[in-house]
């Protein structure tokens, strides 16, 4: 075998080894951030939520939740067998546009709320977690104005725009950590059990 042939085999084996290590070490995980209203975060969230059908589990901790399209998606997922755990802030659920009422009696949707005791003790997260798939966090609540859905293609005035972001993380270690933190919140003894 010539030197150039040996070199090609060595490079090929080295590349194979690097690729297999990359797959095993979660090297293909990524983090990407989008900004509203420049980007319609609602569309991105809806696409990610569909992937909850893979593990059949979805964790949501959302301060403001007034987006009916996202609520309908959660109902659809629950009806397809996804166990949905929604954690809210008790005072924010009283907002006149809150959609929590849409989940009443829906099988597979479980809701708890942090007992809001004022400004210093609120549940202010805006996250969802699909185990082994994605962890979404950022400043964007689930409301059309926060997600840029009501302002898509500049169909509203500057006064109706909110500036927000949402970051999507596929690294397994980050996802697992987010699940742990969610479960710590979910298991608080003084939570209000809504459903």
C-alpha atoms as a PDB file:
ATOM      1  CA  UNK A   1       0.000   0.000   0.000  1.00  0.00           C
ATOM      2  CA  UNK A   2       1.377   3.390  -0.972  1.00  0.00           C
ATOM      3  CA  UNK A   3       1.944   6.231   1.466  1.00  0.00           C
ATOM      4  CA  UNK A   4      -0.895   8.281  -0.085  1.00  0.00           C
ATOM      5  CA  UNK A   5      -3.297   5.307   0.266  1.00  0.00           C
ATOM      6  CA  UNK A   6      -2.331   4.864   3.929  1.00  0.00           C
ATOM      7  CA  UNK A   7      -2.830   8.608   4.471  1.00  0.00           C
ATOM      8  CA  UNK A   8      -6.337   8.459   2.901  1.00  0.00           C
ATOM      9  CA  UNK A   9      -7.327   5.503   5.102  1.00  0.00           C
ATOM     10  CA  UNK A  10      -6.002   7.251   8.209  1.00  0.00           C
ATOM     11  CA  UNK A  11      -7.920  10.435   7.372  1.00  0.00           C
ATOM     12  CA  UNK A  12     -11.067   8.428   6.686  1.00  0.00           C
ATOM     13  CA  UNK A  13     -10.766   6.515   9.971  1.00  0.00           C
ATOM     14  CA  UNK A  14     -10.020   9.727  11.866  1.00  0.00           C
ATOM     15  CA  UNK A  15     -13.058  11.461  10.386  1.00  0.00           C
ATOM     16  CA  UNK A  16     -15.265   8.478  11.229  1.00  0.00           C
ATOM     17  CA  UNK A  17     -13.986   8.503  14.794  1.00  0.00           C
ATOM     18  CA  UNK A  18     -14.580  12.267  15.156  1.00  0.00           C
ATOM     19  CA  UNK A  19     -18.105  11.970  13.752  1.00  0.00           C
ATOM     20  CA  UNK A  20     -19.047   9.062  16.011  1.00  0.00           C
ATOM     21  CA  UNK A  21     -17.690  10.915  19.061  1.00  0.00           C
ATOM     22  CA  UNK A  22     -19.618  14.035  18.056  1.00  0.00           C
ATOM     23  CA  UNK A  23     -22.881  12.122  17.883  1.00  0.00           C
ATOM     24  CA  UNK A  24     -22.266  10.428  21.218  1.00  0.00           C
ATOM     25  CA  UNK A  25     -21.291  13.669  22.980  1.00  0.00           C
ATOM     26  CA  UNK A  26     -24.281  15.769  21.851  1.00  0.00           C
ATOM     27  CA  UNK A  27     -21.977  17.945  19.709  1.00  0.00           C
ATOM     28  CA  UNK A  28     -24.703  18.547  17.193  1.00  0.00           C
ATOM     29  CA  UNK A  29     -26.817  20.329  19.816  1.00  0.00           C
ATOM     30  CA  UNK A  30     -27.421  23.993  19.098  1.00  0.00           C
ATOM     31  CA  UNK A  31     -28.830  27.155  20.569  1.00  0.00           C
ATOM     32  CA  UNK A  32     -30.646  29.723  18.459  1.00  0.00           C
ATOM     33  CA  UNK A  33     -32.359  32.965  19.460  1.00  0.00           C
ATOM     34  CA  UNK A  34     -35.105  34.781  17.552  1.00  0.00           C
ATOM     35  CA  UNK A  35     -36.494  38.255  18.183  1.00  0.00           C
ATOM     36  CA  UNK A  36     -40.010  39.609  17.908  1.00  0.00           C
ATOM     37  CA  UNK A  37     -41.661  41.446  16.282  1.00  0.00           C
ATOM     38  CA  UNK A  38     -39.098  40.941  13.494  1.00  0.00           C
ATOM     39  CA  UNK A  39     -39.812  37.196  13.717  1.00  0.00           C
ATOM     40  CA  UNK A  40     -43.155  35.581  14.469  1.00  0.00           C
ATOM     41  CA  UNK A  41     -42.210  33.574  17.561  1.00  0.00           C
ATOM     42  CA  UNK A  42     -45.677  32.024  17.702  1.00  0.00           C
ATOM     43  CA  UNK A  43     -44.990  30.108  14.468  1.00  0.00           C
ATOM     44  CA  UNK A  44     -41.655  28.870  15.792  1.00  0.00           C
ATOM     45  CA  UNK A  45     -43.224  27.798  19.110  1.00  0.00           C
ATOM     46  CA  UNK A  46     -46.028  25.961  17.303  1.00  0.00           C
ATOM     47  CA  UNK A  47     -43.494  24.043  15.191  1.00  0.00           C
ATOM     48  CA  UNK A  48     -41.446  23.029  18.231  1.00  0.00           C
ATOM     49  CA  UNK A  49     -44.527  22.072  20.267  1.00  0.00           C
ATOM     50  CA  UNK A  50     -45.461  19.511  17.617  1.00  0.00           C
ATOM     51  CA  UNK A  51     -42.302  17.618  18.594  1.00  0.00           C
ATOM     52  CA  UNK A  52     -43.831  16.908  22.037  1.00  0.00           C
ATOM     53  CA  UNK A  53     -45.440  13.917  20.324  1.00  0.00           C
ATOM     54  CA  UNK A  54     -42.007  12.229  20.426  1.00  0.00           C
ATOM     55  CA  UNK A  55     -41.595  11.914  24.224  1.00  0.00           C
ATOM     56  CA  UNK A  56     -45.333  12.405  24.896  1.00  0.00           C
ATOM     57  CA  UNK A  57     -44.449  14.975  27.593  1.00  0.00           C
ATOM     58  CA  UNK A  58     -44.504  18.778  27.663  1.00  0.00           C
ATOM     59  CA  UNK A  59     -43.631  21.119  30.531  1.00  0.00           C
ATOM     60  CA  UNK A  60     -44.738  24.763  30.359  1.00  0.00           C
ATOM     61  CA  UNK A  61     -44.091  27.593  32.825  1.00  0.00           C
ATOM     62  CA  UNK A  62     -45.648  30.741  31.405  1.00  0.00           C
ATOM     63  CA  UNK A  63     -46.300  34.022  33.187  1.00  0.00           C
ATOM     64  CA  UNK A  64     -48.812  35.485  30.722  1.00  0.00           C
ATOM     65  CA  UNK A  65     -50.796  33.108  28.528  1.00  0.00           C
ATOM     66  CA  UNK A  66     -53.377  34.798  26.300  1.00  0.00           C
ATOM     67  CA  UNK A  67     -52.552  33.214  22.924  1.00  0.00           C
ATOM     68  CA  UNK A  68     -55.507  31.075  21.826  1.00  0.00           C
ATOM     69  CA  UNK A  69     -53.595  29.454  18.945  1.00  0.00           C
ATOM     70  CA  UNK A  70     -50.983  28.112  21.357  1.00  0.00           C
ATOM     71  CA  UNK A  71     -53.729  26.997  23.754  1.00  0.00           C
ATOM     72  CA  UNK A  72     -55.427  25.099  20.919  1.00  0.00           C
ATOM     73  CA  UNK A  73     -52.112  23.429  20.048  1.00  0.00           C
ATOM     74  CA  UNK A  74     -51.713  22.256  23.651  1.00  0.00           C
ATOM     75  CA  UNK A  75     -55.258  20.857  23.622  1.00  0.00           C
ATOM     76  CA  UNK A  76     -54.509  19.043  20.356  1.00  0.00           C
ATOM     77  CA  UNK A  77     -51.322  17.557  21.817  1.00  0.00           C
ATOM     78  CA  UNK A  78     -53.132  16.458  24.989  1.00  0.00           C
ATOM     79  CA  UNK A  79     -55.818  14.793  22.873  1.00  0.00           C
ATOM     80  CA  UNK A  80     -53.007  12.925  21.071  1.00  0.00           C
ATOM     81  CA  UNK A  81     -51.723  11.512  24.367  1.00  0.00           C
ATOM     82  CA  UNK A  82     -49.131  14.095  25.405  1.00  0.00           C
ATOM     83  CA  UNK A  83     -48.967  14.645  29.181  1.00  0.00           C
ATOM     84  CA  UNK A  84     -48.918  18.443  29.594  1.00  0.00           C
ATOM     85  CA  UNK A  85     -47.823  20.119  32.829  1.00  0.00           C
ATOM     86  CA  UNK A  86     -48.544  23.856  32.954  1.00  0.00           C
ATOM     87  CA  UNK A  87     -47.182  26.021  35.760  1.00  0.00           C
ATOM     88  CA  UNK A  88     -48.569  29.543  36.127  1.00  0.00           C
ATOM     89  CA  UNK A  89     -48.607  32.579  38.378  1.00  0.00           C
ATOM     90  CA  UNK A  90     -51.872  32.709  40.372  1.00  0.00           C
ATOM     91  CA  UNK A  91     -52.442  36.453  39.906  1.00  0.00           C
ATOM     92  CA  UNK A  92     -51.559  36.477  36.213  1.00  0.00           C
ATOM     93  CA  UNK A  93     -54.169  33.774  35.608  1.00  0.00           C
ATOM     94  CA  UNK A  94     -56.797  36.380  36.583  1.00  0.00           C
ATOM     95  CA  UNK A  95     -56.029  38.482  33.514  1.00  0.00           C
ATOM     96  CA  UNK A  96     -59.243  38.999  31.544  1.00  0.00           C
ATOM     97  CA  UNK A  97     -57.633  37.541  28.395  1.00  0.00           C
ATOM     98  CA  UNK A  98     -56.025  34.517  30.073  1.00  0.00           C
ATOM     99  CA  UNK A  99     -56.719  31.221  28.254  1.00  0.00           C
ATOM    100  CA  UNK A 100     -56.389  28.783  31.169  1.00  0.00           C
ATOM    101  CA  UNK A 101     -60.186  28.309  31.110  1.00  0.00           C
ATOM    102  CA  UNK A 102     -59.791  26.568  27.733  1.00  0.00           C
ATOM    103  CA  UNK A 103     -58.066  23.615  29.446  1.00  0.00           C
ATOM    104  CA  UNK A 104     -60.885  22.793  31.874  1.00  0.00           C
ATOM    105  CA  UNK A 105     -61.647  19.090  31.837  1.00  0.00           C
ATOM    106  CA  UNK A 106     -59.121  18.266  29.121  1.00  0.00           C
ATOM    107  CA  UNK A 107     -57.546  14.883  29.806  1.00  0.00           C
ATOM    108  CA  UNK A 108     -53.727  14.903  30.106  1.00  0.00           C
ATOM    109  CA  UNK A 109     -53.486  18.616  30.996  1.00  0.00           C
ATOM    110  CA  UNK A 110     -52.309  19.253  34.556  1.00  0.00           C
ATOM    111  CA  UNK A 111     -52.131  22.816  35.910  1.00  0.00           C
ATOM    112  CA  UNK A 112     -50.614  24.264  39.051  1.00  0.00           C
ATOM    113  CA  UNK A 113     -49.909  27.858  40.032  1.00  0.00           C
ATOM    114  CA  UNK A 114     -47.445  29.548  42.313  1.00  0.00           C
ATOM    115  CA  UNK A 115     -49.308  31.396  45.025  1.00  0.00           C
ATOM    116  CA  UNK A 116     -48.440  34.972  44.037  1.00  0.00           C
ATOM    117  CA  UNK A 117     -47.720  37.046  47.140  1.00  0.00           C
ATOM    118  CA  UNK A 118     -46.780  40.251  45.353  1.00  0.00           C
ATOM    119  CA  UNK A 119     -44.017  41.662  43.188  1.00  0.00           C
ATOM    120  CA  UNK A 120     -41.147  39.872  44.934  1.00  0.00           C
ATOM    121  CA  UNK A 121     -42.767  36.416  44.806  1.00  0.00           C
ATOM    122  CA  UNK A 122     -44.150  35.817  41.320  1.00  0.00           C
ATOM    123  CA  UNK A 123     -43.700  32.997  38.790  1.00  0.00           C
ATOM    124  CA  UNK A 124     -42.199  34.968  35.911  1.00  0.00           C
ATOM    125  CA  UNK A 125     -40.752  32.261  33.625  1.00  0.00           C
ATOM    126  CA  UNK A 126     -41.585  32.037  29.927  1.00  0.00           C
ATOM    127  CA  UNK A 127     -40.396  28.544  29.102  1.00  0.00           C
ATOM    128  CA  UNK A 128     -41.368  25.198  27.718  1.00  0.00           C
ATOM    129  CA  UNK A 129     -39.459  21.942  27.788  1.00  0.00           C
ATOM    130  CA  UNK A 130     -39.855  18.889  25.599  1.00  0.00           C
ATOM    131  CA  UNK A 131     -37.656  16.225  27.233  1.00  0.00           C
ATOM    132  CA  UNK A 132     -34.687  15.158  25.085  1.00  0.00           C
ATOM    133  CA  UNK A 133     -35.809  17.585  22.353  1.00  0.00           C
ATOM    134  CA  UNK A 134     -35.728  21.291  23.276  1.00  0.00           C
ATOM    135  CA  UNK A 135     -35.732  23.828  26.076  1.00  0.00           C
ATOM    136  CA  UNK A 136     -37.275  27.185  25.111  1.00  0.00           C
ATOM    137  CA  UNK A 137     -36.678  30.264  27.235  1.00  0.00           C
ATOM    138  CA  UNK A 138     -36.575  34.033  26.804  1.00  0.00           C
ATOM    139  CA  UNK A 139     -38.591  37.161  27.490  1.00  0.00           C
ATOM    140  CA  UNK A 140     -41.584  36.369  25.248  1.00  0.00           C
ATOM    141  CA  UNK A 141     -44.798  35.465  27.042  1.00  0.00           C
ATOM    142  CA  UNK A 142     -47.426  33.483  25.176  1.00  0.00           C
ATOM    143  CA  UNK A 143     -49.447  36.437  23.962  1.00  0.00           C
ATOM    144  CA  UNK A 144     -49.818  37.461  20.315  1.00  0.00           C
ATOM    145  CA  UNK A 145     -48.277  40.879  20.936  1.00  0.00           C
ATOM    146  CA  UNK A 146     -45.300  39.430  22.835  1.00  0.00           C
ATOM    147  CA  UNK A 147     -44.606  36.809  20.184  1.00  0.00           C
ATOM    148  CA  UNK A 148     -44.941  39.177  17.249  1.00  0.00           C
ATOM    149  CA  UNK A 149     -47.927  37.235  15.921  1.00  0.00           C
ATOM    150  CA  UNK A 150     -50.219  40.278  15.965  1.00  0.00           C
ATOM    151  CA  UNK A 151     -47.531  42.398  14.276  1.00  0.00           C
ATOM    152  CA  UNK A 152     -46.399  39.965  11.639  1.00  0.00           C
ATOM    153  CA  UNK A 153     -45.463  41.661   8.355  1.00  0.00           C
ATOM    154  CA  UNK A 154     -45.782  45.070  10.058  1.00  0.00           C
ATOM    155  CA  UNK A 155     -49.577  44.914  10.244  1.00  0.00           C
ATOM    156  CA  UNK A 156     -49.676  46.971  13.433  1.00  0.00           C
ATOM    157  CA  UNK A 157     -48.311  50.229  14.722  1.00  0.00           C
ATOM    158  CA  UNK A 158     -45.170  50.732  16.800  1.00  0.00           C
ATOM    159  CA  UNK A 159     -47.350  51.160  19.888  1.00  0.00           C
ATOM    160  CA  UNK A 160     -48.591  47.563  19.530  1.00  0.00           C
ATOM    161  CA  UNK A 161     -45.145  46.009  19.117  1.00  0.00           C
ATOM    162  CA  UNK A 162     -43.354  44.298  21.966  1.00  0.00           C
ATOM    163  CA  UNK A 163     -39.643  43.660  21.775  1.00  0.00           C
ATOM    164  CA  UNK A 164     -38.956  40.120  22.970  1.00  0.00           C
ATOM    165  CA  UNK A 165     -36.813  37.102  22.340  1.00  0.00           C
ATOM    166  CA  UNK A 166     -37.038  33.329  22.532  1.00  0.00           C
ATOM    167  CA  UNK A 167     -34.071  30.971  22.666  1.00  0.00           C
ATOM    168  CA  UNK A 168     -34.279  27.301  21.690  1.00  0.00           C
ATOM    169  CA  UNK A 169     -31.680  24.965  23.209  1.00  0.00           C
ATOM    170  CA  UNK A 170     -31.248  21.348  22.101  1.00  0.00           C
ATOM    171  CA  UNK A 171     -28.337  20.412  24.389  1.00  0.00           C
ATOM    172  CA  UNK A 172     -29.444  17.427  26.500  1.00  0.00           C
ATOM    173  CA  UNK A 173     -27.661  18.598  29.648  1.00  0.00           C
ATOM    174  CA  UNK A 174     -29.441  21.968  29.502  1.00  0.00           C
ATOM    175  CA  UNK A 175     -32.775  20.282  28.837  1.00  0.00           C
ATOM    176  CA  UNK A 176     -32.314  17.891  31.767  1.00  0.00           C
ATOM    177  CA  UNK A 177     -31.391  20.773  34.073  1.00  0.00           C
ATOM    178  CA  UNK A 178     -34.483  22.712  32.971  1.00  0.00           C
ATOM    179  CA  UNK A 179     -36.682  19.689  33.741  1.00  0.00           C
ATOM    180  CA  UNK A 180     -35.157  19.452  37.228  1.00  0.00           C
ATOM    181  CA  UNK A 181     -35.849  23.130  37.935  1.00  0.00           C
ATOM    182  CA  UNK A 182     -39.381  22.814  36.566  1.00  0.00           C
ATOM    183  CA  UNK A 183     -40.076  19.846  38.844  1.00  0.00           C
ATOM    184  CA  UNK A 184     -38.789  21.786  41.868  1.00  0.00           C
ATOM    185  CA  UNK A 185     -41.309  24.530  41.083  1.00  0.00           C
ATOM    186  CA  UNK A 186     -44.073  22.022  40.314  1.00  0.00           C
ATOM    187  CA  UNK A 187     -43.595  20.193  43.631  1.00  0.00           C
ATOM    188  CA  UNK A 188     -43.771  23.222  45.942  1.00  0.00           C
ATOM    189  CA  UNK A 189     -46.026  22.430  48.869  1.00  0.00           C
ATOM    190  CA  UNK A 190     -47.881  25.754  48.734  1.00  0.00           C
ATOM    191  CA  UNK A 191     -48.776  25.547  45.013  1.00  0.00           C
ATOM    192  CA  UNK A 192     -52.386  25.946  44.000  1.00  0.00           C
ATOM    193  CA  UNK A 193     -53.678  22.871  42.187  1.00  0.00           C
ATOM    194  CA  UNK A 194     -55.863  24.142  39.342  1.00  0.00           C
ATOM    195  CA  UNK A 195     -56.400  20.891  37.446  1.00  0.00           C
END
